């Protein structure tokens, strides 16, 4: 909760005018995606495994396979959250 509150506070402060909603949109998108992935324990665990393994990859093909699988997980969670995966970054 502390991370959520800190990021929410930063987004509110960054949205320094009513016309500047982009920081809040980014904050809401990020947390919607986080919830979408964390609610499926196996998927969250697999993504953590991929991220840890990516730090030790030496072969390009292996790195690409990890990136492809991680991207699929991210795309799936973006779809679940109702967010266009191309802008979910």
N, C-alpha and C. Protein backbone atom coordinates (compact mmCIF):
# COMPACT_ATOMS: atom_id res chain seq x y z
N UNK A 1 0.81 -1.20 0.00
CA UNK A 1 0.00 0.00 0.00
C UNK A 1 0.85 1.26 0.00
N UNK A 2 2.01 1.18 0.65
CA UNK A 2 2.86 2.37 0.72
C UNK A 2 3.32 2.80 -0.67
N UNK A 3 3.67 1.82 -1.51
CA UNK A 3 4.11 2.13 -2.87
C UNK A 3 2.96 2.75 -3.66
N UNK A 4 1.77 2.16 -3.54
CA UNK A 4 0.60 2.69 -4.22
C UNK A 4 0.36 4.14 -3.80
N UNK A 5 0.35 4.39 -2.49
CA UNK A 5 0.08 5.74 -2.00
C UNK A 5 1.14 6.74 -2.48
N UNK A 6 2.40 6.32 -2.45
CA UNK A 6 3.47 7.21 -2.90
C UNK A 6 3.34 7.53 -4.39
N UNK A 7 3.04 6.52 -5.19
CA UNK A 7 2.90 6.74 -6.63
C UNK A 7 1.65 7.57 -6.94
N UNK A 8 0.58 7.34 -6.18
CA UNK A 8 -0.64 8.14 -6.38
C UNK A 8 -0.37 9.60 -6.04
N UNK A 9 0.30 9.84 -4.94
CA UNK A 9 0.63 11.21 -4.53
C UNK A 9 1.49 11.89 -5.59
N UNK A 10 2.48 11.16 -6.10
CA UNK A 10 3.35 11.73 -7.15
C UNK A 10 2.56 12.05 -8.41
N UNK A 11 1.62 11.18 -8.78
CA UNK A 11 0.81 11.42 -9.98
C UNK A 11 -0.09 12.63 -9.79
N UNK A 12 -0.68 12.76 -8.61
CA UNK A 12 -1.54 13.91 -8.34
C UNK A 12 -0.72 15.20 -8.41
N UNK A 13 0.46 15.18 -7.83
CA UNK A 13 1.33 16.37 -7.86
C UNK A 13 1.80 16.69 -9.28
N UNK A 14 2.06 15.64 -10.07
CA UNK A 14 2.52 15.86 -11.44
C UNK A 14 1.40 16.40 -12.32
N UNK A 15 0.17 16.05 -11.99
CA UNK A 15 -0.99 16.57 -12.73
C UNK A 15 -1.30 17.95 -12.16
N UNK A 16 -0.44 18.90 -12.49
CA UNK A 16 -0.46 20.20 -11.84
C UNK A 16 -1.59 21.12 -12.27
N UNK A 17 -2.41 20.67 -13.20
CA UNK A 17 -3.56 21.46 -13.62
C UNK A 17 -4.66 20.51 -14.10
N UNK A 18 -5.90 20.99 -14.12
CA UNK A 18 -7.00 20.13 -14.59
C UNK A 18 -6.81 19.66 -16.04
N UNK A 19 -6.05 20.40 -16.81
CA UNK A 19 -5.81 20.05 -18.20
C UNK A 19 -4.71 19.01 -18.38
N UNK A 20 -4.01 18.67 -17.31
CA UNK A 20 -2.88 17.74 -17.38
C UNK A 20 -3.22 16.45 -16.64
N UNK A 21 -4.01 15.61 -17.27
CA UNK A 21 -4.44 14.35 -16.64
C UNK A 21 -3.52 13.18 -16.98
N UNK A 22 -2.52 13.40 -17.82
CA UNK A 22 -1.65 12.30 -18.26
C UNK A 22 -0.98 11.56 -17.10
N UNK A 23 -0.45 12.23 -16.09
CA UNK A 23 0.17 11.50 -14.99
C UNK A 23 -0.81 10.57 -14.27
N UNK A 24 -2.03 11.01 -14.08
CA UNK A 24 -3.03 10.16 -13.42
C UNK A 24 -3.43 9.00 -14.33
N UNK A 25 -3.54 9.24 -15.63
CA UNK A 25 -3.86 8.14 -16.55
C UNK A 25 -2.77 7.08 -16.52
N UNK A 26 -1.50 7.51 -16.51
CA UNK A 26 -0.38 6.55 -16.43
C UNK A 26 -0.43 5.77 -15.13
N UNK A 27 -0.68 6.46 -14.03
CA UNK A 27 -0.77 5.80 -12.72
C UNK A 27 -1.89 4.76 -12.72
N UNK A 28 -3.07 5.13 -13.19
CA UNK A 28 -4.20 4.20 -13.19
C UNK A 28 -3.95 3.02 -14.11
N UNK A 29 -3.35 3.26 -15.28
CA UNK A 29 -3.02 2.18 -16.22
C UNK A 29 -2.03 1.21 -15.57
N UNK A 30 -0.99 1.75 -14.97
CA UNK A 30 0.03 0.91 -14.34
C UNK A 30 -0.58 0.02 -13.26
N UNK A 31 -1.41 0.59 -12.41
CA UNK A 31 -1.97 -0.20 -11.32
C UNK A 31 -3.05 -1.16 -11.80
N UNK A 32 -3.78 -0.81 -12.84
CA UNK A 32 -4.74 -1.76 -13.42
C UNK A 32 -4.01 -2.97 -13.96
N UNK A 33 -2.88 -2.74 -14.60
CA UNK A 33 -2.07 -3.84 -15.13
C UNK A 33 -1.47 -4.67 -14.00
N UNK A 34 -1.01 -4.02 -12.96
CA UNK A 34 -0.44 -4.74 -11.81
C UNK A 34 -1.49 -5.66 -11.18
N UNK A 35 -2.69 -5.15 -11.00
CA UNK A 35 -3.77 -5.96 -10.42
C UNK A 35 -4.10 -7.12 -11.34
N UNK A 36 -4.19 -6.87 -12.64
CA UNK A 36 -4.53 -7.93 -13.59
C UNK A 36 -3.53 -9.07 -13.56
N UNK A 37 -2.26 -8.76 -13.37
CA UNK A 37 -1.27 -9.84 -13.34
C UNK A 37 -1.20 -10.51 -11.98
N UNK A 38 -1.28 -9.75 -10.92
CA UNK A 38 -1.13 -10.31 -9.58
C UNK A 38 -2.32 -11.17 -9.15
N UNK A 39 -3.46 -10.99 -9.76
CA UNK A 39 -4.62 -11.78 -9.34
C UNK A 39 -4.55 -13.22 -9.84
N UNK A 40 -3.63 -13.51 -10.75
CA UNK A 40 -3.40 -14.90 -11.20
C UNK A 40 -1.99 -15.27 -10.74
N UNK A 41 -1.93 -15.98 -9.63
CA UNK A 41 -0.66 -16.26 -8.97
C UNK A 41 0.34 -16.97 -9.89
N UNK A 42 -0.13 -17.95 -10.64
CA UNK A 42 0.79 -18.69 -11.52
C UNK A 42 1.40 -17.78 -12.57
N UNK A 43 0.62 -16.87 -13.11
CA UNK A 43 1.12 -15.95 -14.13
C UNK A 43 2.11 -14.96 -13.51
N UNK A 44 1.81 -14.46 -12.34
CA UNK A 44 2.72 -13.53 -11.66
C UNK A 44 4.04 -14.22 -11.34
N UNK A 45 3.94 -15.46 -10.89
CA UNK A 45 5.14 -16.24 -10.58
C UNK A 45 5.98 -16.47 -11.84
N UNK A 46 5.30 -16.84 -12.93
CA UNK A 46 6.03 -17.09 -14.18
C UNK A 46 6.72 -15.83 -14.67
N UNK A 47 6.06 -14.70 -14.59
CA UNK A 47 6.68 -13.46 -15.04
C UNK A 47 7.90 -13.13 -14.18
N UNK A 48 7.82 -13.36 -12.89
CA UNK A 48 8.97 -13.14 -12.00
C UNK A 48 10.13 -14.06 -12.37
N UNK A 49 9.81 -15.31 -12.68
CA UNK A 49 10.84 -16.26 -13.10
C UNK A 49 11.52 -15.79 -14.39
N UNK A 50 10.72 -15.35 -15.34
CA UNK A 50 11.28 -14.87 -16.61
C UNK A 50 12.18 -13.67 -16.39
N UNK A 51 11.73 -12.73 -15.57
CA UNK A 51 12.54 -11.54 -15.30
C UNK A 51 13.86 -11.90 -14.63
N UNK A 52 13.83 -12.83 -13.69
CA UNK A 52 15.06 -13.25 -13.01
C UNK A 52 16.00 -13.97 -13.99
N UNK A 53 15.43 -14.81 -14.82
CA UNK A 53 16.24 -15.56 -15.78
C UNK A 53 16.83 -14.64 -16.85
N UNK A 54 16.09 -13.61 -17.22
CA UNK A 54 16.57 -12.69 -18.26
C UNK A 54 17.86 -12.00 -17.86
N UNK A 55 18.07 -11.82 -16.57
CA UNK A 55 19.29 -11.18 -16.09
C UNK A 55 20.52 -12.03 -16.31
N UNK A 56 20.34 -13.35 -16.56
CA UNK A 56 21.46 -14.27 -16.68
C UNK A 56 21.63 -14.85 -18.08
N UNK A 57 20.83 -14.42 -19.01
CA UNK A 57 20.85 -14.96 -20.37
C UNK A 57 22.14 -14.57 -21.09
N UNK A 58 22.70 -15.53 -21.79
CA UNK A 58 23.91 -15.26 -22.57
C UNK A 58 23.67 -15.40 -24.07
N UNK A 59 22.66 -16.16 -24.44
CA UNK A 59 22.39 -16.40 -25.86
C UNK A 59 21.21 -15.55 -26.33
N UNK A 60 21.38 -14.95 -27.49
CA UNK A 60 20.36 -14.07 -28.06
C UNK A 60 19.02 -14.80 -28.23
N UNK A 61 19.05 -16.02 -28.74
CA UNK A 61 17.81 -16.76 -28.96
C UNK A 61 17.05 -16.99 -27.66
N UNK A 62 17.79 -17.28 -26.61
CA UNK A 62 17.15 -17.49 -25.31
C UNK A 62 16.54 -16.18 -24.80
N UNK A 63 17.23 -15.10 -24.98
CA UNK A 63 16.71 -13.78 -24.58
C UNK A 63 15.46 -13.43 -25.35
N UNK A 64 15.46 -13.73 -26.63
CA UNK A 64 14.27 -13.46 -27.45
C UNK A 64 13.08 -14.31 -27.00
N UNK A 65 13.33 -15.56 -26.66
CA UNK A 65 12.24 -16.43 -26.20
C UNK A 65 11.65 -15.90 -24.90
N UNK A 66 12.50 -15.45 -24.00
CA UNK A 66 12.03 -14.88 -22.74
C UNK A 66 11.22 -13.61 -23.01
N UNK A 67 11.73 -12.76 -23.87
CA UNK A 67 11.04 -11.51 -24.19
C UNK A 67 9.68 -11.79 -24.82
N UNK A 68 9.61 -12.79 -25.69
CA UNK A 68 8.35 -13.13 -26.35
C UNK A 68 7.32 -13.61 -25.34
N UNK A 69 7.75 -14.49 -24.43
CA UNK A 69 6.81 -15.00 -23.42
C UNK A 69 6.37 -13.89 -22.46
N UNK A 70 7.30 -13.06 -22.03
CA UNK A 70 6.95 -11.96 -21.13
C UNK A 70 6.00 -10.98 -21.82
N UNK A 71 6.24 -10.70 -23.09
CA UNK A 71 5.36 -9.80 -23.84
C UNK A 71 3.95 -10.38 -23.94
N UNK A 72 3.84 -11.69 -24.12
CA UNK A 72 2.52 -12.33 -24.19
C UNK A 72 1.79 -12.19 -22.86
N UNK A 73 2.51 -12.35 -21.76
CA UNK A 73 1.89 -12.19 -20.44
C UNK A 73 1.40 -10.75 -20.28
N UNK A 74 2.24 -9.80 -20.65
CA UNK A 74 1.85 -8.39 -20.53
C UNK A 74 0.66 -8.06 -21.43
N UNK A 75 0.64 -8.59 -22.64
CA UNK A 75 -0.48 -8.33 -23.55
C UNK A 75 -1.78 -8.91 -22.98
N UNK A 76 -1.68 -10.10 -22.41
CA UNK A 76 -2.86 -10.74 -21.83
C UNK A 76 -3.38 -9.92 -20.66
N UNK A 77 -2.50 -9.46 -19.80
CA UNK A 77 -2.96 -8.68 -18.65
C UNK A 77 -3.53 -7.33 -19.11
N UNK A 78 -2.97 -6.74 -20.15
CA UNK A 78 -3.51 -5.48 -20.67
C UNK A 78 -4.93 -5.70 -21.21
N UNK A 79 -5.13 -6.80 -21.91
CA UNK A 79 -6.48 -7.11 -22.42
C UNK A 79 -7.45 -7.31 -21.26
N UNK A 80 -7.02 -8.02 -20.21
CA UNK A 80 -7.88 -8.22 -19.04
C UNK A 80 -8.25 -6.91 -18.38
N UNK A 81 -7.32 -5.99 -18.35
CA UNK A 81 -7.54 -4.70 -17.71
C UNK A 81 -8.28 -3.73 -18.62
N UNK A 82 -8.53 -4.13 -19.87
CA UNK A 82 -9.23 -3.27 -20.81
C UNK A 82 -8.38 -2.13 -21.32
N UNK A 83 -7.07 -2.39 -21.41
CA UNK A 83 -6.13 -1.37 -21.84
C UNK A 83 -5.49 -1.81 -23.14
N UNK A 84 -5.34 -0.89 -24.07
CA UNK A 84 -4.66 -1.17 -25.33
C UNK A 84 -3.22 -1.54 -25.02
N UNK A 85 -2.82 -2.77 -25.31
CA UNK A 85 -1.49 -3.26 -25.00
C UNK A 85 -0.38 -2.47 -25.66
N UNK A 86 -0.67 -1.78 -26.76
CA UNK A 86 0.38 -1.01 -27.44
C UNK A 86 0.77 0.22 -26.63
N UNK A 87 -0.08 0.66 -25.72
CA UNK A 87 0.25 1.83 -24.92
C UNK A 87 0.36 1.51 -23.45
N UNK A 88 0.41 0.21 -23.12
CA UNK A 88 0.37 -0.20 -21.73
C UNK A 88 1.70 -0.11 -21.02
N UNK A 89 2.77 0.06 -21.72
CA UNK A 89 4.11 0.10 -21.20
C UNK A 89 4.41 0.47 -19.87
